[in-house]
């Protein structure tokens, strides 16, 4: 189930973004990028519609996934 960014409190959104950034294997390219900058990149991707937050009811987990151009944001 896709969760609209604006349906979350600021604290909940920050926690989801921070959890995502802290996961092992998150790659941001050739240059080292700080934690705050990574969080800001993810936030911009969510706000611009390039990524979405998805909740899996079976595993009760949240993930941030990239969206293809033209894919619905909600």
C-alpha atoms as a PDB file:
ATOM      1  CA  UNK A   1       0.000   0.000   0.000  1.00  0.00           C
ATOM      2  CA  UNK A   2       1.404   3.369  -0.983  1.00  0.00           C
ATOM      3  CA  UNK A   3       1.467   6.019   1.764  1.00  0.00           C
ATOM      4  CA  UNK A   4       1.245   9.673   0.650  1.00  0.00           C
ATOM      5  CA  UNK A   5       4.041  11.786   2.114  1.00  0.00           C
ATOM      6  CA  UNK A   6       1.575  14.442   3.235  1.00  0.00           C
ATOM      7  CA  UNK A   7      -0.393  11.830   5.249  1.00  0.00           C
ATOM      8  CA  UNK A   8       2.505  11.447   7.688  1.00  0.00           C
ATOM      9  CA  UNK A   9       3.555  13.684  10.543  1.00  0.00           C
ATOM     10  CA  UNK A  10       6.914  15.412  10.175  1.00  0.00           C
ATOM     11  CA  UNK A  11       8.400  13.124  12.850  1.00  0.00           C
ATOM     12  CA  UNK A  12       7.073   9.944  11.213  1.00  0.00           C
ATOM     13  CA  UNK A  13       8.377  11.002   7.792  1.00  0.00           C
ATOM     14  CA  UNK A  14      11.791  11.855   9.247  1.00  0.00           C
ATOM     15  CA  UNK A  15      11.953   8.476  11.001  1.00  0.00           C
ATOM     16  CA  UNK A  16      11.098   6.592   7.794  1.00  0.00           C
ATOM     17  CA  UNK A  17      13.667   8.530   5.776  1.00  0.00           C
ATOM     18  CA  UNK A  18      16.385   8.092   8.419  1.00  0.00           C
ATOM     19  CA  UNK A  19      15.685   4.373   8.717  1.00  0.00           C
ATOM     20  CA  UNK A  20      15.902   4.002   4.948  1.00  0.00           C
ATOM     21  CA  UNK A  21      19.182   5.913   4.725  1.00  0.00           C
ATOM     22  CA  UNK A  22      20.723   3.893   7.545  1.00  0.00           C
ATOM     23  CA  UNK A  23      20.014   0.555   5.866  1.00  0.00           C
ATOM     24  CA  UNK A  24      23.086  -1.224   4.656  1.00  0.00           C
ATOM     25  CA  UNK A  25      23.470  -1.207   0.900  1.00  0.00           C
ATOM     26  CA  UNK A  26      22.010   2.238   0.249  1.00  0.00           C
ATOM     27  CA  UNK A  27      24.251   3.651  -2.491  1.00  0.00           C
ATOM     28  CA  UNK A  28      24.528   7.309  -3.453  1.00  0.00           C
ATOM     29  CA  UNK A  29      27.241   7.218  -6.083  1.00  0.00           C
ATOM     30  CA  UNK A  30      30.987   7.573  -6.271  1.00  0.00           C
ATOM     31  CA  UNK A  31      31.412  10.406  -3.760  1.00  0.00           C
ATOM     32  CA  UNK A  32      30.929  10.038  -0.015  1.00  0.00           C
ATOM     33  CA  UNK A  33      27.757  11.798   1.098  1.00  0.00           C
ATOM     34  CA  UNK A  34      26.898  12.687   4.698  1.00  0.00           C
ATOM     35  CA  UNK A  35      23.844  11.388   6.537  1.00  0.00           C
ATOM     36  CA  UNK A  36      21.960  14.717   6.478  1.00  0.00           C
ATOM     37  CA  UNK A  37      22.587  15.156   2.743  1.00  0.00           C
ATOM     38  CA  UNK A  38      21.374  11.608   2.038  1.00  0.00           C
ATOM     39  CA  UNK A  39      18.209  12.245   4.034  1.00  0.00           C
ATOM     40  CA  UNK A  40      17.619  15.465   2.106  1.00  0.00           C
ATOM     41  CA  UNK A  41      18.084  13.653  -1.222  1.00  0.00           C
ATOM     42  CA  UNK A  42      15.501  11.046  -0.236  1.00  0.00           C
ATOM     43  CA  UNK A  43      13.085  13.740   0.979  1.00  0.00           C
ATOM     44  CA  UNK A  44      13.391  15.602  -2.342  1.00  0.00           C
ATOM     45  CA  UNK A  45      12.777  12.371  -4.264  1.00  0.00           C
ATOM     46  CA  UNK A  46       9.626  11.737  -2.234  1.00  0.00           C
ATOM     47  CA  UNK A  47       8.344  15.291  -2.543  1.00  0.00           C
ATOM     48  CA  UNK A  48       9.014  15.441  -6.280  1.00  0.00           C
ATOM     49  CA  UNK A  49       7.335  12.102  -6.991  1.00  0.00           C
ATOM     50  CA  UNK A  50      10.501  10.244  -8.003  1.00  0.00           C
ATOM     51  CA  UNK A  51      10.052   7.903  -5.027  1.00  0.00           C
ATOM     52  CA  UNK A  52       7.202   6.687  -2.849  1.00  0.00           C
ATOM     53  CA  UNK A  53       6.678   5.212   0.600  1.00  0.00           C
ATOM     54  CA  UNK A  54       5.145   1.746   0.604  1.00  0.00           C
ATOM     55  CA  UNK A  55       3.767  -0.209   3.551  1.00  0.00           C
ATOM     56  CA  UNK A  56       3.677  -4.019   3.413  1.00  0.00           C
ATOM     57  CA  UNK A  57       0.855  -5.266   5.657  1.00  0.00           C
ATOM     58  CA  UNK A  58       2.151  -8.847   5.603  1.00  0.00           C
ATOM     59  CA  UNK A  59       5.581  -7.977   6.981  1.00  0.00           C
ATOM     60  CA  UNK A  60       4.417  -4.758   8.662  1.00  0.00           C
ATOM     61  CA  UNK A  61       7.359  -2.952   7.136  1.00  0.00           C
ATOM     62  CA  UNK A  62       7.867   0.352   5.346  1.00  0.00           C
ATOM     63  CA  UNK A  63      10.110   0.918   2.355  1.00  0.00           C
ATOM     64  CA  UNK A  64      10.955   3.765   0.015  1.00  0.00           C
ATOM     65  CA  UNK A  65      10.885   2.742  -3.619  1.00  0.00           C
ATOM     66  CA  UNK A  66      11.869   4.585  -6.789  1.00  0.00           C
ATOM     67  CA  UNK A  67       9.109   5.335  -9.271  1.00  0.00           C
ATOM     68  CA  UNK A  68       9.378   5.129 -13.023  1.00  0.00           C
ATOM     69  CA  UNK A  69       8.526   8.252 -15.012  1.00  0.00           C
ATOM     70  CA  UNK A  70       4.745   8.380 -15.487  1.00  0.00           C
ATOM     71  CA  UNK A  71       4.042   6.057 -12.558  1.00  0.00           C
ATOM     72  CA  UNK A  72       1.318   7.382 -10.238  1.00  0.00           C
ATOM     73  CA  UNK A  73       2.577   9.032  -7.059  1.00  0.00           C
ATOM     74  CA  UNK A  74      -0.271   7.746  -4.849  1.00  0.00           C
END
